[in-house]
C-alpha atoms as a PDB file:
ATOM      1  CA  MET A   1     -45.288 -78.914 -95.079  1.00  0.00           C
ATOM      2  CA  GLN A   2     -46.870 -82.344 -95.082  1.00  0.00           C
ATOM      3  CA  ALA A   3     -47.237 -84.830 -97.931  1.00  0.00           C
ATOM      4  CA  ALA A   4     -47.713 -82.812-101.100  1.00  0.00           C
ATOM      5  CA  HIS A   5     -49.214 -83.072-104.539  1.00  0.00           C
ATOM      6  CA  LEU A   6     -47.166 -82.989-107.711  1.00  0.00           C
ATOM      7  CA  GLN A   7     -46.076 -79.494-108.623  1.00  0.00           C
ATOM      8  CA  ALA A   8     -43.917 -77.894-111.300  1.00  0.00           C
ATOM      9  CA  ALA A   9     -40.330 -77.154-110.312  1.00  0.00           C
ATOM     10  CA  TYR A  10     -36.805 -76.422-111.518  1.00  0.00           C
ATOM     11  CA  VAL A  11     -33.501 -77.437-109.926  1.00  0.00           C
ATOM     12  CA  LEU A  12     -31.464 -74.419-108.870  1.00  0.00           C
ATOM     13  CA  HIS A  13     -28.583 -76.341-107.331  1.00  0.00           C
ATOM     14  CA  ALA A  14     -27.739 -79.884-106.285  1.00  0.00           C
ATOM     15  CA  ARG A  15     -24.867 -81.382-104.311  1.00  0.00           C
ATOM     16  CA  ARG A  16     -23.950 -84.686-102.733  1.00  0.00           C
ATOM     17  CA  TYR A  17     -25.439 -85.284 -99.296  1.00  0.00           C
ATOM     18  CA  GLY A  18     -24.020 -88.156 -97.310  1.00  0.00           C
ATOM     19  CA  ASP A  19     -22.991 -91.337 -99.084  1.00  0.00           C
ATOM     20  CA  SER A  20     -25.884 -91.773-101.482  1.00  0.00           C
ATOM     21  CA  SER A  21     -28.238 -88.807-101.370  1.00  0.00           C
ATOM     22  CA  LEU A  22     -28.510 -85.372-102.943  1.00  0.00           C
ATOM     23  CA  LEU A  23     -29.344 -82.064-101.301  1.00  0.00           C
ATOM     24  CA  ILE A  24     -31.320 -80.139-103.912  1.00  0.00           C
ATOM     25  CA  GLU A  25     -32.439 -76.535-103.996  1.00  0.00           C
ATOM     26  CA  LEU A  26     -35.648 -76.215-106.020  1.00  0.00           C
ATOM     27  CA  LEU A  27     -37.787 -73.376-107.264  1.00  0.00           C
ATOM     28  CA  ALA A  28     -41.290 -74.835-107.100  1.00  0.00           C
ATOM     29  CA  ARG A  29     -44.419 -73.133-108.382  1.00  0.00           C
ATOM     30  CA  ASP A  30     -46.587 -73.843-105.343  1.00  0.00           C
ATOM     31  CA  SER A  31     -43.907 -73.943-102.625  1.00  0.00           C
ATOM     32  CA  GLY A  32     -41.364 -71.320-103.659  1.00  0.00           C
ATOM     33  CA  ARG A  33     -37.667 -71.942-103.092  1.00  0.00           C
ATOM     34  CA  VAL A  34     -37.202 -75.128-101.093  1.00  0.00           C
ATOM     35  CA  ALA A  35     -34.322 -77.303 -99.939  1.00  0.00           C
ATOM     36  CA  CYS A  36     -34.984 -81.020-100.116  1.00  0.00           C
ATOM     37  CA  VAL A  37     -33.148 -84.309 -99.827  1.00  0.00           C
ATOM     38  CA  ALA A  38     -33.388 -86.941-102.561  1.00  0.00           C
ATOM     39  CA  LYS A  39     -32.628 -89.968-100.417  1.00  0.00           C
ATOM     40  CA  GLY A  40     -30.582 -92.684-102.087  1.00  0.00           C
ATOM     41  CA  ALA A  41     -30.494 -90.766-105.382  1.00  0.00           C
ATOM     42  CA  LEU A  42     -26.886 -91.798-106.049  1.00  0.00           C
ATOM     43  CA  ARG A  43     -27.456 -95.510-105.589  1.00  0.00           C
ATOM     44  CA  ALA A  44     -27.167 -97.418-108.850  1.00  0.00           C
ATOM     45  CA  ARG A  45     -30.806 -98.420-108.948  1.00  0.00           C
ATOM     46  CA  ARG A  46     -32.003 -94.823-108.369  1.00  0.00           C
ATOM     47  CA  GLN A  47     -29.623 -92.821-110.541  1.00  0.00           C
ATOM     48  CA  GLN A  48     -32.519 -91.724-112.734  1.00  0.00           C
ATOM     49  CA  THR A  49     -33.635 -89.151-110.136  1.00  0.00           C
ATOM     50  CA  PRO A  50     -33.776 -85.932-112.215  1.00  0.00           C
ATOM     51  CA  ALA A  51     -31.394 -83.363-110.759  1.00  0.00           C
ATOM     52  CA  GLN A  52     -30.292 -81.435-113.819  1.00  0.00           C
ATOM     53  CA  ALA A  53     -30.624 -77.675-113.598  1.00  0.00           C
ATOM     54  CA  PHE A  54     -32.932 -75.828-116.013  1.00  0.00           C
ATOM     55  CA  GLN A  55     -35.065 -78.830-116.981  1.00  0.00           C
ATOM     56  CA  PRO A  56     -38.782 -78.675-116.051  1.00  0.00           C
ATOM     57  CA  LEU A  57     -39.884 -81.220-113.451  1.00  0.00           C
ATOM     58  CA  GLN A  58     -42.930 -82.417-111.590  1.00  0.00           C
ATOM     59  CA  VAL A  59     -42.058 -83.067-107.943  1.00  0.00           C
ATOM     60  CA  ALA A  60     -43.726 -84.185-104.731  1.00  0.00           C
ATOM     61  CA  LEU A  61     -42.334 -82.913-101.434  1.00  0.00           C
ATOM     62  CA  SER A  62     -43.024 -84.162 -97.932  1.00  0.00           C
ATOM     63  CA  GLY A  63     -41.956 -83.445 -94.379  1.00  0.00           C
ATOM     64  CA  ARG A  64     -41.719 -80.414 -92.130  1.00  0.00           C
ATOM     65  CA  GLY A  65     -39.155 -77.785 -91.363  1.00  0.00           C
ATOM     66  CA  GLU A  66     -36.556 -76.101 -93.534  1.00  0.00           C
ATOM     67  CA  VAL A  67     -35.300 -79.218 -95.361  1.00  0.00           C
ATOM     68  CA  LEU A  68     -37.976 -81.416 -96.949  1.00  0.00           C
ATOM     69  CA  THR A  69     -37.890 -84.818 -98.579  1.00  0.00           C
ATOM     70  CA  LEU A  70     -38.149 -85.203-102.331  1.00  0.00           C
ATOM     71  CA  SER A  71     -40.499 -88.161-102.501  1.00  0.00           C
ATOM     72  CA  ARG A  72     -41.058 -88.079-106.255  1.00  0.00           C
ATOM     73  CA  ALA A  73     -39.519 -86.326-109.260  1.00  0.00           C
ATOM     74  CA  GLU A  74     -40.114 -86.781-112.944  1.00  0.00           C
ATOM     75  CA  SER A  75     -39.230 -84.841-116.060  1.00  0.00           C
ATOM     76  CA  CYS A  76     -42.036 -83.023-117.823  1.00  0.00           C
ATOM     77  CA  GLY A  77     -40.872 -81.783-121.180  1.00  0.00           C
ATOM     78  CA  HIS A  78     -37.368 -81.078-122.364  1.00  0.00           C
ATOM     79  CA  LEU A  79     -35.447 -77.905-123.106  1.00  0.00           C
ATOM     80  CA  ARG A  80     -32.345 -77.683-125.245  1.00  0.00           C
ATOM     81  CA  PRO A  81     -29.286 -77.679-122.956  1.00  0.00           C
ATOM     82  CA  LEU A  82     -27.893 -74.269-122.136  1.00  0.00           C
ATOM     83  CA  VAL A  83     -24.381 -73.904-123.532  1.00  0.00           C
ATOM     84  CA  GLY A  84     -21.645 -71.293-123.608  1.00  0.00           C
ATOM     85  CA  ARG A  85     -22.596 -67.821-122.431  1.00  0.00           C
ATOM     86  CA  ASN A  86     -26.251 -68.789-122.099  1.00  0.00           C
ATOM     87  CA  LEU A  87     -25.252 -71.463-119.581  1.00  0.00           C
ATOM     88  CA  TYR A  88     -23.466 -68.796-117.540  1.00  0.00           C
ATOM     89  CA  CYS A  89     -26.594 -66.654-117.765  1.00  0.00           C
ATOM     90  CA  GLY A  90     -28.723 -69.509-116.456  1.00  0.00           C
ATOM     91  CA  LEU A  91     -26.351 -70.045-113.531  1.00  0.00           C
ATOM     92  CA  TYR A  92     -26.554 -66.316-112.827  1.00  0.00           C
ATOM     93  CA  LEU A  93     -30.366 -66.447-112.718  1.00  0.00           C
ATOM     94  CA  ASN A  94     -30.236 -69.437-110.386  1.00  0.00           C
ATOM     95  CA  GLU A  95     -27.868 -67.652-108.026  1.00  0.00           C
ATOM     96  CA  LEU A  96     -30.016 -64.511-108.037  1.00  0.00           C
ATOM     97  CA  VAL A  97     -33.070 -66.542-107.041  1.00  0.00           C
ATOM     98  CA  GLN A  98     -31.140 -68.326-104.311  1.00  0.00           C
ATOM     99  CA  LYS A  99     -29.701 -65.127-102.854  1.00  0.00           C
ATOM    100  CA  LEU A 100     -32.760 -62.877-103.035  1.00  0.00           C
ATOM    101  CA  THR A 101     -35.761 -65.085-102.277  1.00  0.00           C
ATOM    102  CA  ALA A 102     -36.897 -66.461 -98.939  1.00  0.00           C
ATOM    103  CA  ARG A 103     -37.402 -70.182 -98.528  1.00  0.00           C
ATOM    104  CA  GLN A 104     -40.919 -71.575 -98.837  1.00  0.00           C
ATOM    105  CA  ASP A 105     -42.354 -68.239 -99.951  1.00  0.00           C
ATOM    106  CA  ALA A 106     -44.353 -69.186-103.036  1.00  0.00           C
ATOM    107  CA  CYS A 107     -44.717 -66.750-105.932  1.00  0.00           C
ATOM    108  CA  ALA A 108     -46.290 -68.232-109.046  1.00  0.00           C
ATOM    109  CA  GLY A 109     -45.453 -65.110-111.056  1.00  0.00           C
ATOM    110  CA  LEU A 110     -41.754 -65.374-110.247  1.00  0.00           C
ATOM    111  CA  PHE A 111     -41.793 -69.077-111.104  1.00  0.00           C
ATOM    112  CA  ASP A 112     -43.437 -68.385-114.459  1.00  0.00           C
ATOM    113  CA  ASP A 113     -41.016 -65.559-115.288  1.00  0.00           C
ATOM    114  CA  TYR A 114     -38.061 -67.773-114.364  1.00  0.00           C
ATOM    115  CA  GLY A 115     -39.361 -70.544-116.622  1.00  0.00           C
ATOM    116  CA  ALA A 116     -39.869 -68.082-119.489  1.00  0.00           C
ATOM    117  CA  ALA A 117     -36.315 -66.764-119.115  1.00  0.00           C
ATOM    118  CA  ILE A 118     -34.823 -70.265-119.101  1.00  0.00           C
ATOM    119  CA  ARG A 119     -36.818 -71.198-122.211  1.00  0.00           C
ATOM    120  CA  GLU A 120     -35.564 -68.098-124.024  1.00  0.00           C
ATOM    121  CA  LEU A 121     -31.973 -68.884-123.075  1.00  0.00           C
ATOM    122  CA  SER A 122     -32.404 -72.461-124.305  1.00  0.00           C
ATOM    123  CA  GLU A 123     -33.689 -71.127-127.630  1.00  0.00           C
ATOM    124  CA  ARG A 124     -30.467 -69.090-128.062  1.00  0.00           C
ATOM    125  CA  VAL A 125     -32.187 -65.704-128.136  1.00  0.00           C
ATOM    126  CA  PRO A 126     -29.944 -62.715-127.224  1.00  0.00           C
ATOM    127  CA  ALA A 127     -29.211 -63.170-123.544  1.00  0.00           C
ATOM    128  CA  GLU A 128     -28.853 -59.644-122.181  1.00  0.00           C
ATOM    129  CA  PRO A 129     -32.459 -58.528-122.756  1.00  0.00           C
ATOM    130  CA  VAL A 130     -33.599 -61.793-121.155  1.00  0.00           C
ATOM    131  CA  LEU A 131     -31.519 -61.076-118.046  1.00  0.00           C
ATOM    132  CA  ARG A 132     -32.668 -57.475-117.748  1.00  0.00           C
ATOM    133  CA  ARG A 133     -36.351 -58.395-118.073  1.00  0.00           C
ATOM    134  CA  PHE A 134     -36.029 -61.120-115.468  1.00  0.00           C
ATOM    135  CA  GLU A 135     -34.137 -58.899-113.018  1.00  0.00           C
ATOM    136  CA  VAL A 136     -36.796 -56.182-113.223  1.00  0.00           C
ATOM    137  CA  ARG A 137     -39.675 -58.636-112.880  1.00  0.00           C
ATOM    138  CA  MET A 138     -38.052 -60.561-110.033  1.00  0.00           C
ATOM    139  CA  LEU A 139     -37.569 -57.381-108.001  1.00  0.00           C
ATOM    140  CA  ARG A 140     -41.196 -56.449-108.663  1.00  0.00           C
ATOM    141  CA  HIS A 141     -42.387 -59.862-107.418  1.00  0.00           C
ATOM    142  CA  LEU A 142     -40.284 -59.443-104.271  1.00  0.00           C
ATOM    143  CA  GLY A 143     -41.769 -56.035-103.489  1.00  0.00           C
ATOM    144  CA  LEU A 144     -38.502 -54.309-104.452  1.00  0.00           C
ATOM    145  CA  GLY A 145     -39.575 -53.054-107.858  1.00  0.00           C
ATOM    146  CA  LEU A 146     -37.860 -50.164-109.592  1.00  0.00           C
ATOM    147  CA  LEU A 147     -39.685 -46.836-109.698  1.00  0.00           C
ATOM    148  CA  LEU A 148     -40.097 -46.395-113.450  1.00  0.00           C
ATOM    149  CA  GLU A 149     -43.407 -44.590-113.853  1.00  0.00           C
ATOM    150  CA  GLN A 150     -42.170 -41.071-113.079  1.00  0.00           C
ATOM    151  CA  ASP A 151     -39.167 -39.213-111.724  1.00  0.00           C
ATOM    152  CA  SER A 152     -38.547 -38.222-108.110  1.00  0.00           C
ATOM    153  CA  GLN A 153     -40.414 -34.942-108.707  1.00  0.00           C
ATOM    154  CA  GLY A 154     -43.541 -36.684-109.944  1.00  0.00           C
ATOM    155  CA  GLN A 155     -42.956 -35.871-113.605  1.00  0.00           C
ATOM    156  CA  PRO A 156     -43.219 -38.422-116.447  1.00  0.00           C
ATOM    157  CA  LEU A 157     -39.874 -39.838-117.527  1.00  0.00           C
ATOM    158  CA  GLU A 158     -38.550 -38.263-120.713  1.00  0.00           C
ATOM    159  CA  ALA A 159     -36.546 -40.387-123.133  1.00  0.00           C
ATOM    160  CA  SER A 160     -34.157 -37.544-123.972  1.00  0.00           C
ATOM    161  CA  ALA A 161     -33.444 -36.543-120.335  1.00  0.00           C
ATOM    162  CA  ARG A 162     -30.703 -37.811-118.023  1.00  0.00           C
ATOM    163  CA  TYR A 163     -31.336 -39.200-114.547  1.00  0.00           C
ATOM    164  CA  THR A 164     -29.444 -40.499-111.557  1.00  0.00           C
ATOM    165  CA  TYR A 165     -31.327 -43.535-110.248  1.00  0.00           C
ATOM    166  CA  GLU A 166     -31.522 -43.840-106.464  1.00  0.00           C
ATOM    167  CA  VAL A 167     -32.965 -47.069-105.027  1.00  0.00           C
ATOM    168  CA  GLN A 168     -35.075 -45.274-102.426  1.00  0.00           C
ATOM    169  CA  THR A 169     -36.292 -42.275-104.446  1.00  0.00           C
ATOM    170  CA  GLY A 170     -36.145 -43.424-108.070  1.00  0.00           C
ATOM    171  CA  ALA A 171     -35.020 -41.329-111.018  1.00  0.00           C
ATOM    172  CA  VAL A 172     -33.565 -37.969-110.036  1.00  0.00           C
ATOM    173  CA  PRO A 173     -33.132 -35.487-112.927  1.00  0.00           C
ATOM    174  CA  SER A 174     -29.447 -34.808-113.548  1.00  0.00           C
ATOM    175  CA  GLY A 175     -27.107 -33.163-115.998  1.00  0.00           C
ATOM    176  CA  GLU A 176     -25.566 -34.756-119.076  1.00  0.00           C
ATOM    177  CA  GLY A 177     -22.158 -35.270-117.496  1.00  0.00           C
ATOM    178  CA  THR A 178     -23.291 -36.572-114.118  1.00  0.00           C
ATOM    179  CA  ALA A 179     -21.361 -39.706-113.174  1.00  0.00           C
ATOM    180  CA  GLY A 180     -23.529 -42.817-113.144  1.00  0.00           C
ATOM    181  CA  SER A 181     -26.478 -41.138-114.842  1.00  0.00           C
ATOM    182  CA  VAL A 182     -28.673 -42.975-117.333  1.00  0.00           C
ATOM    183  CA  SER A 183     -30.977 -41.784-120.067  1.00  0.00           C
ATOM    184  CA  GLY A 184     -34.718 -41.703-119.704  1.00  0.00           C
ATOM    185  CA  ARG A 185     -34.747 -43.976-122.738  1.00  0.00           C
ATOM    186  CA  THR A 186     -32.941 -46.641-120.673  1.00  0.00           C
ATOM    187  CA  LEU A 187     -35.411 -46.351-117.789  1.00  0.00           C
ATOM    188  CA  LEU A 188     -38.340 -46.601-120.186  1.00  0.00           C
ATOM    189  CA  ALA A 189     -36.740 -49.667-121.796  1.00  0.00           C
ATOM    190  CA  LEU A 190     -36.497 -51.316-118.376  1.00  0.00           C
ATOM    191  CA  ARG A 191     -40.148 -50.551-117.724  1.00  0.00           C
ATOM    192  CA  GLN A 192     -41.279 -51.908-121.092  1.00  0.00           C
ATOM    193  CA  GLY A 193     -38.768 -54.772-121.383  1.00  0.00           C
ATOM    194  CA  ASN A 194     -37.703 -53.678-124.867  1.00  0.00           C
ATOM    195  CA  PHE A 195     -34.036 -53.062-125.652  1.00  0.00           C
ATOM    196  CA  ASP A 196     -33.131 -52.073-129.185  1.00  0.00           C
ATOM    197  CA  GLU A 197     -29.964 -50.000-128.761  1.00  0.00           C
ATOM    198  CA  PRO A 198     -26.491 -51.065-127.525  1.00  0.00           C
ATOM    199  CA  THR A 199     -26.206 -47.910-125.389  1.00  0.00           C
ATOM    200  CA  THR A 200     -29.522 -48.670-123.705  1.00  0.00           C
ATOM    201  CA  LEU A 201     -28.459 -52.241-122.953  1.00  0.00           C
ATOM    202  CA  ARG A 202     -25.126 -51.088-121.535  1.00  0.00           C
ATOM    203  CA  GLU A 203     -26.723 -48.512-119.251  1.00  0.00           C
ATOM    204  CA  ALA A 204     -29.419 -50.972-118.189  1.00  0.00           C
ATOM    205  CA  ARG A 205     -26.791 -53.568-117.269  1.00  0.00           C
ATOM    206  CA  GLN A 206     -24.814 -51.059-115.185  1.00  0.00           C
ATOM    207  CA  LEU A 207     -27.916 -49.738-113.429  1.00  0.00           C
ATOM    208  CA  MET A 208     -29.321 -53.183-112.625  1.00  0.00           C
ATOM    209  CA  ARG A 209     -25.978 -54.311-111.258  1.00  0.00           C
ATOM    210  CA  ARG A 210     -25.953 -51.354-108.867  1.00  0.00           C
ATOM    211  CA  VAL A 211     -29.574 -51.917-107.810  1.00  0.00           C
ATOM    212  CA  LEU A 212     -29.050 -55.638-107.268  1.00  0.00           C
ATOM    213  CA  ASP A 213     -25.845 -55.039-105.303  1.00  0.00           C
ATOM    214  CA  HIS A 214     -27.862 -52.798-103.000  1.00  0.00           C
ATOM    215  CA  HIS A 215     -30.417 -55.552-102.348  1.00  0.00           C
ATOM    216  CA  LEU A 216     -27.724 -58.228-102.019  1.00  0.00           C
ATOM    217  CA  ASP A 217     -26.253 -56.160 -99.173  1.00  0.00           C
ATOM    218  CA  GLY A 218     -22.641 -57.071 -99.895  1.00  0.00           C
ATOM    219  CA  ARG A 219     -23.173 -60.722-100.761  1.00  0.00           C
ATOM    220  CA  PRO A 220     -21.164 -61.519-103.915  1.00  0.00           C
ATOM    221  CA  LEU A 221     -22.536 -63.343-106.945  1.00  0.00           C
ATOM    222  CA  ARG A 222     -19.981 -65.958-107.897  1.00  0.00           C
ATOM    223  CA  SER A 223     -21.594 -66.487-111.286  1.00  0.00           C
ATOM    224  CA  ARG A 224     -20.505 -62.988-112.336  1.00  0.00           C
ATOM    225  CA  GLU A 225     -16.932 -64.258-112.432  1.00  0.00           C
ATOM    226  CA  LEU A 226     -17.866 -66.529-115.346  1.00  0.00           C
ATOM    227  CA  PHE A 227     -18.440 -63.527-117.618  1.00  0.00           C
ATOM    228  CA  ARG A 228     -14.882 -62.214-117.262  1.00  0.00           C
END
């Protein structure tokens, strides 16, 4: 990537790099997930370099290779700080994006859905539906979407039925007492993004954890420890 225009971005993670710089992981609308160095960002005269997670930015990136240079960064708007459980949820979203996306693989839809989720968390809306909607949409953007249109036999999902969800084949009809089964109502809620029952939310959380663990291929999510 050569010298770039300003583009919308969010900070996913930042850490000290050398004596005075920061190594920042961004999710950028036009560039995807990128690693970049903010040179001299920790020097007294440059401590205004925005590096706070969850705040919308406009950035310019330059250079080639896997690690770019952050040549310009400025705030564009302001969200209420995430606090308490919603802060943990935001850190969880950031870690999901870092673990599941490839670097410099732009996806405007994923960027927009991430921004929408962060805005909802900043507005203190109930967090669990926000997380479930983002998880489903992120997997869809990555080509790993859940199969929620019909069951493994090609039949429409029924709200009152029970299913065992398999990542490769989708919803397999199962009996009421089958371990790990979920209701058709839960699968339909995941498809529609609407969660209005505690049981549906609980089943959706358990199912999405299993699906995400499959795609993470054994890599742990440290942010999950914050919820304990």
